Amino acid sequence: MSVESATPATAVTPEAVDYFANHQNKLRFPWSLYHGPIVRELSRVLRAHPGKDVLNVGSGPFFELAELRDAGARYSLCDVDPRAMTMARELYGDRLVRTDVIVPDAPLPYDTGSFDLVVSMDVIEHVKDPPPWLAELSRVLRPGGRLFLTTPNYGFSSLGLIERTVLEVIARRQGFSRRDLHPSKFSRSRLRRTLAEAGFEQVQVKQLALGWVLAASAVKR
């Protein structure tokens, strides 16, 4: 049920889908049934984590920011779509430290160890080869920094069926197919193992939105 994020940087599968117009639907019913719990979990992570420098990778315009109680976090955003970064600046202005248009397969434009928290919501499923992508997220985290990411739960038995039926009908009406939309499909166990193999510690993976969403939190060594 997710409204897809813009195509992420680093080892992604080319897609002919324009997600920009869909971002504004994330917090509207029925899409809010999927995305609402993600926003609430992110808000909880922000309150619990002491660091203030936050990077959102594949952020889109980050409409979720208006819903967050974040105790004064300083946000940087990056996305491959210039329209998303322009809209984010219009929405949030000085609340944002940086808004960067990034290039697929290129390193993120930040120094090593720049951020206390890196967020990436519903992006990793678009990444063809997740380990190098995760390594780049880890690079820009400070030691002891936290990663928060979400992805559809492909260990949830009904998700595949719904994607092949209801969501495929919606996609075809918008001029594309979901058939090869997500090259990396994660169950709870696969996501936990992938993060551990990428060098993260204290890996926790929750199921949200009645099991449709996986939300992972992990710490950089």
C-alpha atoms as a PDB file:
ATOM      1  CA  MET A   1       0.000   0.000   0.000  1.00  0.00           C
ATOM      2  CA  SER A   2       3.002   2.300   0.179  1.00  0.00           C
ATOM      3  CA  VAL A   3       3.170   5.439  -1.911  1.00  0.00           C
ATOM      4  CA  GLU A   4       6.617   4.860  -3.334  1.00  0.00           C
ATOM      5  CA  SER A   5       9.568   7.079  -2.521  1.00  0.00           C
ATOM      6  CA  ALA A   6      11.621   8.618  -5.292  1.00  0.00           C
ATOM      7  CA  THR A   7      14.323   6.394  -6.739  1.00  0.00           C
ATOM      8  CA  PRO A   8      17.231   6.253  -4.260  1.00  0.00           C
ATOM      9  CA  ALA A   9      20.878   6.845  -4.984  1.00  0.00           C
ATOM     10  CA  THR A  10      23.456   4.085  -5.221  1.00  0.00           C
ATOM     11  CA  ALA A  11      22.878   0.884  -7.188  1.00  0.00           C
ATOM     12  CA  VAL A  12      19.227   1.263  -8.080  1.00  0.00           C
ATOM     13  CA  THR A  13      17.088  -0.315 -10.748  1.00  0.00           C
ATOM     14  CA  PRO A  14      16.002   2.231 -13.399  1.00  0.00           C
ATOM     15  CA  GLU A  15      12.306   2.999 -13.093  1.00  0.00           C
ATOM     16  CA  ALA A  16       9.869   4.797 -15.370  1.00  0.00           C
ATOM     17  CA  VAL A  17       7.596   5.808 -12.499  1.00  0.00           C
ATOM     18  CA  ASP A  18       7.205   9.437 -11.453  1.00  0.00           C
ATOM     19  CA  TYR A  19       6.566   9.305  -7.713  1.00  0.00           C
ATOM     20  CA  PHE A  20       6.589  13.035  -7.089  1.00  0.00           C
ATOM     21  CA  ALA A  21       2.830  13.532  -7.372  1.00  0.00           C
ATOM     22  CA  ASN A  22       2.171  10.596  -5.041  1.00  0.00           C
ATOM     23  CA  HIS A  23       4.097  11.945  -2.061  1.00  0.00           C
ATOM     24  CA  GLN A  24       1.254  14.209  -1.007  1.00  0.00           C
ATOM     25  CA  ASN A  25      -1.054  11.186  -0.685  1.00  0.00           C
ATOM     26  CA  LYS A  26       1.040   9.461   1.982  1.00  0.00           C
ATOM     27  CA  LEU A  27      -0.847  10.879   4.937  1.00  0.00           C
ATOM     28  CA  ARG A  28      -4.287  10.683   3.317  1.00  0.00           C
ATOM     29  CA  PHE A  29      -6.655   7.749   3.754  1.00  0.00           C
ATOM     30  CA  PRO A  30      -6.279   4.924   2.746  1.00  0.00           C
ATOM     31  CA  TRP A  31      -2.496   5.377   2.246  1.00  0.00           C
ATOM     32  CA  SER A  32      -2.223   6.703   5.800  1.00  0.00           C
ATOM     33  CA  LEU A  33      -2.989   3.187   7.051  1.00  0.00           C
ATOM     34  CA  TYR A  34       0.478   2.269   5.770  1.00  0.00           C
ATOM     35  CA  HIS A  35       2.410   5.491   6.285  1.00  0.00           C
ATOM     36  CA  GLY A  36       0.851   6.788   9.503  1.00  0.00           C
ATOM     37  CA  PRO A  37       2.467   4.124  11.714  1.00  0.00           C
ATOM     38  CA  ILE A  38       5.827   4.858  10.061  1.00  0.00           C
ATOM     39  CA  VAL A  39       5.587   8.522  11.039  1.00  0.00           C
ATOM     40  CA  ARG A  40       4.688   7.622  14.611  1.00  0.00           C
ATOM     41  CA  GLU A  41       7.618   5.197  14.877  1.00  0.00           C
ATOM     42  CA  LEU A  42      10.026   7.755  13.436  1.00  0.00           C
ATOM     43  CA  SER A  43       8.767  10.305  15.947  1.00  0.00           C
ATOM     44  CA  ARG A  44       9.456   7.819  18.747  1.00  0.00           C
ATOM     45  CA  VAL A  45      13.003   7.191  17.464  1.00  0.00           C
ATOM     46  CA  LEU A  46      13.685  10.927  17.268  1.00  0.00           C
ATOM     47  CA  ARG A  47      12.558  11.461  20.845  1.00  0.00           C
ATOM     48  CA  ALA A  48      14.648   8.541  22.108  1.00  0.00           C
ATOM     49  CA  HIS A  49      17.846   9.384  20.216  1.00  0.00           C
ATOM     50  CA  PRO A  50      19.988  12.157  21.709  1.00  0.00           C
ATOM     51  CA  GLY A  51      21.658  13.307  18.463  1.00  0.00           C
ATOM     52  CA  LYS A  52      20.284  16.273  16.570  1.00  0.00           C
ATOM     53  CA  ASP A  53      21.778  16.071  13.066  1.00  0.00           C
ATOM     54  CA  VAL A  54      19.385  14.020  10.926  1.00  0.00           C
ATOM     55  CA  LEU A  55      19.680  13.016   7.256  1.00  0.00           C
ATOM     56  CA  ASN A  56      16.684  11.722   5.309  1.00  0.00           C
ATOM     57  CA  VAL A  57      17.817   9.779   2.218  1.00  0.00           C
ATOM     58  CA  GLY A  58      15.259   9.531  -0.599  1.00  0.00           C
ATOM     59  CA  SER A  59      13.112  11.972   1.339  1.00  0.00           C
ATOM     60  CA  GLY A  60      10.835  13.377  -1.322  1.00  0.00           C
ATOM     61  CA  PRO A  61       9.363  16.690  -0.070  1.00  0.00           C
ATOM     62  CA  PHE A  62       9.237  15.123   3.436  1.00  0.00           C
ATOM     63  CA  PHE A  63       5.613  15.970   4.178  1.00  0.00           C
ATOM     64  CA  GLU A  64       6.024  13.792   7.279  1.00  0.00           C
ATOM     65  CA  LEU A  65       8.121  16.499   8.932  1.00  0.00           C
ATOM     66  CA  ALA A  66       5.014  18.500   9.796  1.00  0.00           C
ATOM     67  CA  GLU A  67       3.783  15.531  11.870  1.00  0.00           C
ATOM     68  CA  LEU A  68       6.966  14.967  13.859  1.00  0.00           C
ATOM     69  CA  ARG A  69       7.694  15.962  17.417  1.00  0.00           C
ATOM     70  CA  ASP A  70      11.448  15.932  17.174  1.00  0.00           C
ATOM     71  CA  ALA A  71      12.887  17.931  20.083  1.00  0.00           C
ATOM     72  CA  GLY A  72      14.743  20.365  17.850  1.00  0.00           C
ATOM     73  CA  ALA A  73      16.426  18.051  15.354  1.00  0.00           C
ATOM     74  CA  ARG A  74      18.320  19.656  12.459  1.00  0.00           C
ATOM     75  CA  TYR A  75      17.350  18.069   9.137  1.00  0.00           C
ATOM     76  CA  SER A  76      19.193  17.566   5.877  1.00  0.00           C
ATOM     77  CA  LEU A  77      17.311  16.013   2.958  1.00  0.00           C
ATOM     78  CA  CYS A  78      18.464  14.397  -0.256  1.00  0.00           C
ATOM     79  CA  ASP A  79      16.593  12.983  -3.225  1.00  0.00           C
ATOM     80  CA  VAL A  80      17.146  12.372  -6.924  1.00  0.00           C
ATOM     81  CA  ASP A  81      14.182  14.586  -7.853  1.00  0.00           C
ATOM     82  CA  PRO A  82      14.935  18.345  -7.904  1.00  0.00           C
ATOM     83  CA  ARG A  83      11.208  19.096  -7.597  1.00  0.00           C
ATOM     84  CA  ALA A  84      11.141  17.367  -4.218  1.00  0.00           C
ATOM     85  CA  MET A  85      13.998  19.465  -2.887  1.00  0.00           C
ATOM     86  CA  THR A  86      12.454  22.685  -4.184  1.00  0.00           C
ATOM     87  CA  MET A  87       9.152  21.864  -2.505  1.00  0.00           C
ATOM     88  CA  ALA A  88      10.859  20.918   0.753  1.00  0.00           C
ATOM     89  CA  ARG A  89      12.608  24.293   0.875  1.00  0.00           C
ATOM     90  CA  GLU A  90       9.320  26.050   0.192  1.00  0.00           C
ATOM     91  CA  LEU A  91       7.574  24.095   2.949  1.00  0.00           C
ATOM     92  CA  TYR A  92      10.203  24.216   5.686  1.00  0.00           C
ATOM     93  CA  GLY A  93      12.718  26.942   4.876  1.00  0.00           C
ATOM     94  CA  ASP A  94      15.252  27.510   7.638  1.00  0.00           C
ATOM     95  CA  ARG A  95      14.178  24.350   9.442  1.00  0.00           C
ATOM     96  CA  LEU A  96      16.316  22.472   6.893  1.00  0.00           C
ATOM     97  CA  VAL A  97      20.100  22.582   7.001  1.00  0.00           C
ATOM     98  CA  ARG A  98      20.606  21.164   3.503  1.00  0.00           C
ATOM     99  CA  THR A  99      18.516  19.950   0.582  1.00  0.00           C
ATOM    100  CA  ASP A 100      20.653  18.086  -1.931  1.00  0.00           C
ATOM    101  CA  VAL A 101      19.802  16.580  -5.298  1.00  0.00           C
ATOM    102  CA  ILE A 102      21.755  13.344  -5.442  1.00  0.00           C
ATOM    103  CA  VAL A 103      22.911  11.222  -8.360  1.00  0.00           C
ATOM    104  CA  PRO A 104      22.226   7.489  -8.525  1.00  0.00           C
ATOM    105  CA  ASP A 105      25.365   5.380  -8.076  1.00  0.00           C
ATOM    106  CA  ALA A 106      27.331   8.356  -6.703  1.00  0.00           C
ATOM    107  CA  PRO A 107      28.474   8.791  -3.086  1.00  0.00           C
ATOM    108  CA  LEU A 108      26.310  10.925  -0.858  1.00  0.00           C
ATOM    109  CA  PRO A 109      27.547  14.550  -0.764  1.00  0.00           C
ATOM    110  CA  TYR A 110      28.391  14.547   2.947  1.00  0.00           C
ATOM    111  CA  ASP A 111      31.559  14.127   4.959  1.00  0.00           C
ATOM    112  CA  THR A 112      32.159  10.893   6.813  1.00  0.00           C
ATOM    113  CA  GLY A 113      30.524  10.917  10.222  1.00  0.00           C
ATOM    114  CA  SER A 114      28.266  13.915   9.598  1.00  0.00           C
ATOM    115  CA  PHE A 115      24.997  12.697  11.137  1.00  0.00           C
ATOM    116  CA  ASP A 116      23.621  11.326  14.379  1.00  0.00           C
ATOM    117  CA  LEU A 117      20.626   9.711  12.671  1.00  0.00           C
ATOM    118  CA  VAL A 118      20.085   8.585   9.078  1.00  0.00           C
ATOM    119  CA  VAL A 119      16.508   7.946   7.986  1.00  0.00           C
ATOM    120  CA  SER A 120      15.378   6.224   4.798  1.00  0.00           C
ATOM    121  CA  MET A 121      11.715   5.341   4.445  1.00  0.00           C
ATOM    122  CA  ASP A 122      10.623   2.817   1.829  1.00  0.00           C
ATOM    123  CA  VAL A 123      13.770   3.144  -0.267  1.00  0.00           C
ATOM    124  CA  ILE A 124      15.841   0.009   0.305  1.00  0.00           C
ATOM    125  CA  GLU A 125      13.386  -2.190  -1.606  1.00  0.00           C
ATOM    126  CA  HIS A 126      14.288  -0.192  -4.753  1.00  0.00           C
ATOM    127  CA  VAL A 127      18.005  -0.830  -4.307  1.00  0.00           C
ATOM    128  CA  LYS A 128      19.302  -3.630  -6.499  1.00  0.00           C
ATOM    129  CA  ASP A 129      22.386  -4.302  -4.340  1.00  0.00           C
ATOM    130  CA  PRO A 130      21.664  -3.199  -0.740  1.00  0.00           C
ATOM    131  CA  PRO A 131      25.098  -3.814   0.905  1.00  0.00           C
ATOM    132  CA  PRO A 132      26.990  -0.967  -0.879  1.00  0.00           C
ATOM    133  CA  TRP A 133      24.024   1.342  -0.330  1.00  0.00           C
ATOM    134  CA  LEU A 134      23.966   0.529   3.379  1.00  0.00           C
ATOM    135  CA  ALA A 135      27.721   1.038   3.555  1.00  0.00           C
ATOM    136  CA  GLU A 136      27.262   4.573   2.249  1.00  0.00           C
ATOM    137  CA  LEU A 137      24.572   5.298   4.830  1.00  0.00           C
ATOM    138  CA  SER A 138      26.913   3.941   7.490  1.00  0.00           C
ATOM    139  CA  ARG A 139      29.770   6.113   6.223  1.00  0.00           C
ATOM    140  CA  VAL A 140      27.896   9.367   6.850  1.00  0.00           C
ATOM    141  CA  LEU A 141      26.804   8.253  10.325  1.00  0.00           C
ATOM    142  CA  ARG A 142      28.898   9.104  13.358  1.00  0.00           C
ATOM    143  CA  PRO A 143      30.145   6.178  15.483  1.00  0.00           C
ATOM    144  CA  GLY A 144      27.239   5.244  17.712  1.00  0.00           C
ATOM    145  CA  GLY A 145      24.823   6.935  15.311  1.00  0.00           C
ATOM    146  CA  ARG A 146      21.516   5.312  14.507  1.00  0.00           C
ATOM    147  CA  LEU A 147      19.943   4.152  11.251  1.00  0.00           C
ATOM    148  CA  PHE A 148      16.161   4.083  10.866  1.00  0.00           C
ATOM    149  CA  LEU A 149      14.662   2.585   7.736  1.00  0.00           C
ATOM    150  CA  THR A 150      11.393   1.079   6.608  1.00  0.00           C
ATOM    151  CA  THR A 151      10.337  -1.243   3.813  1.00  0.00           C
ATOM    152  CA  PRO A 152       7.290  -3.313   2.846  1.00  0.00           C
ATOM    153  CA  ASN A 153       7.132  -6.612   4.713  1.00  0.00           C
ATOM    154  CA  TYR A 154       7.409  -9.348   2.103  1.00  0.00           C
ATOM    155  CA  GLY A 155       7.304 -11.907   4.865  1.00  0.00           C
ATOM    156  CA  PHE A 156       3.662 -10.929   5.318  1.00  0.00           C
ATOM    157  CA  SER A 157       1.686 -13.526   3.412  1.00  0.00           C
ATOM    158  CA  SER A 158      -0.995 -11.244   1.967  1.00  0.00           C
ATOM    159  CA  LEU A 159       1.334  -8.536   0.624  1.00  0.00           C
ATOM    160  CA  GLY A 160       2.331 -10.375  -2.531  1.00  0.00           C
ATOM    161  CA  LEU A 161      -1.291 -11.155  -3.347  1.00  0.00           C
ATOM    162  CA  ILE A 162      -2.415  -7.561  -2.832  1.00  0.00           C
ATOM    163  CA  GLU A 163       0.473  -6.257  -4.934  1.00  0.00           C
ATOM    164  CA  ARG A 164      -0.435  -8.596  -7.789  1.00  0.00           C
ATOM    165  CA  THR A 165      -4.110  -7.622  -7.695  1.00  0.00           C
ATOM    166  CA  VAL A 166      -5.393  -4.377  -6.167  1.00  0.00           C
ATOM    167  CA  LEU A 167      -2.140  -2.413  -6.241  1.00  0.00           C
ATOM    168  CA  GLU A 168      -1.296  -3.634  -9.749  1.00  0.00           C
ATOM    169  CA  VAL A 169      -4.655  -2.364 -11.008  1.00  0.00           C
ATOM    170  CA  ILE A 170      -3.970   1.042  -9.455  1.00  0.00           C
ATOM    171  CA  ALA A 171      -0.467   1.104 -10.933  1.00  0.00           C
ATOM    172  CA  ARG A 172      -1.656   0.235 -14.439  1.00  0.00           C
ATOM    173  CA  ARG A 173      -4.184   3.067 -14.303  1.00  0.00           C
ATOM    174  CA  GLN A 174      -1.214   5.344 -13.602  1.00  0.00           C
ATOM    175  CA  GLY A 175       0.691   3.926 -16.569  1.00  0.00           C
ATOM    176  CA  PHE A 176       3.162   1.495 -14.998  1.00  0.00           C
ATOM    177  CA  SER A 177       3.429  -1.995 -13.498  1.00  0.00           C
ATOM    178  CA  ARG A 178       4.566  -3.019 -10.024  1.00  0.00           C
ATOM    179  CA  ARG A 179       5.881  -6.347 -11.331  1.00  0.00           C
ATOM    180  CA  ASP A 180       9.571  -5.428 -11.112  1.00  0.00           C
ATOM    181  CA  LEU A 181       9.214  -2.346  -8.941  1.00  0.00           C
ATOM    182  CA  HIS A 182      11.050  -3.754  -5.903  1.00  0.00           C
ATOM    183  CA  PRO A 183      14.188  -5.744  -6.769  1.00  0.00           C
ATOM    184  CA  SER A 184      14.997  -6.229  -3.069  1.00  0.00           C
ATOM    185  CA  LYS A 185      12.179  -7.817  -1.095  1.00  0.00           C
ATOM    186  CA  PHE A 186      12.678  -8.180   2.643  1.00  0.00           C
ATOM    187  CA  SER A 187      11.182 -10.369   5.301  1.00  0.00           C
ATOM    188  CA  ARG A 188      11.843  -9.533   8.928  1.00  0.00           C
ATOM    189  CA  SER A 189      14.635 -12.090   9.210  1.00  0.00           C
ATOM    190  CA  ARG A 190      16.303 -11.070   5.939  1.00  0.00           C
ATOM    191  CA  LEU A 191      16.293  -7.393   6.894  1.00  0.00           C
ATOM    192  CA  ARG A 192      17.787  -8.113  10.308  1.00  0.00           C
ATOM    193  CA  ARG A 193      20.482 -10.306   8.757  1.00  0.00           C
ATOM    194  CA  THR A 194      21.283  -7.758   6.017  1.00  0.00           C
ATOM    195  CA  LEU A 195      21.797  -4.969   8.548  1.00  0.00           C
ATOM    196  CA  ALA A 196      23.964  -7.157  10.773  1.00  0.00           C
ATOM    197  CA  GLU A 197      26.099  -8.195   7.795  1.00  0.00           C
ATOM    198  CA  ALA A 198      26.495  -4.498   6.914  1.00  0.00           C
ATOM    199  CA  GLY A 199      28.161  -3.968  10.289  1.00  0.00           C
ATOM    200  CA  PHE A 200      25.292  -2.506  12.293  1.00  0.00           C
ATOM    201  CA  GLU A 201      24.687  -3.461  15.917  1.00  0.00           C
ATOM    202  CA  GLN A 202      21.638  -3.490  18.195  1.00  0.00           C
ATOM    203  CA  VAL A 203      19.474  -4.320  15.191  1.00  0.00           C
ATOM    204  CA  GLN A 204      15.764  -4.234  15.938  1.00  0.00           C
ATOM    205  CA  VAL A 205      13.064  -4.879  13.342  1.00  0.00           C
ATOM    206  CA  LYS A 206       9.410  -4.185  14.125  1.00  0.00           C
ATOM    207  CA  GLN A 207       6.278  -4.947  12.183  1.00  0.00           C
ATOM    208  CA  LEU A 208       3.972  -1.946  11.774  1.00  0.00           C
ATOM    209  CA  ALA A 209       0.669  -1.210  10.034  1.00  0.00           C
ATOM    210  CA  LEU A 210      -0.902  -4.596  10.793  1.00  0.00           C
ATOM    211  CA  GLY A 211       2.254  -6.329   9.581  1.00  0.00           C
ATOM    212  CA  TRP A 212       2.576  -4.589   6.212  1.00  0.00           C
ATOM    213  CA  VAL A 213       5.641  -2.539   7.179  1.00  0.00           C
ATOM    214  CA  LEU A 214       9.056  -3.428   8.579  1.00  0.00           C
ATOM    215  CA  ALA A 215      10.714  -0.678  10.608  1.00  0.00           C
ATOM    216  CA  ALA A 216      14.377  -1.260  11.443  1.00  0.00           C
ATOM    217  CA  SER A 217      16.576   0.577  13.919  1.00  0.00           C
ATOM    218  CA  ALA A 218      20.295  -0.148  14.202  1.00  0.00           C
ATOM    219  CA  VAL A 219      23.468   1.447  15.547  1.00  0.00           C
ATOM    220  CA  LYS A 220      26.764   2.030  13.754  1.00  0.00           C
ATOM    221  CA  ARG A 221      29.715   0.365  15.439  1.00  0.00           C
END
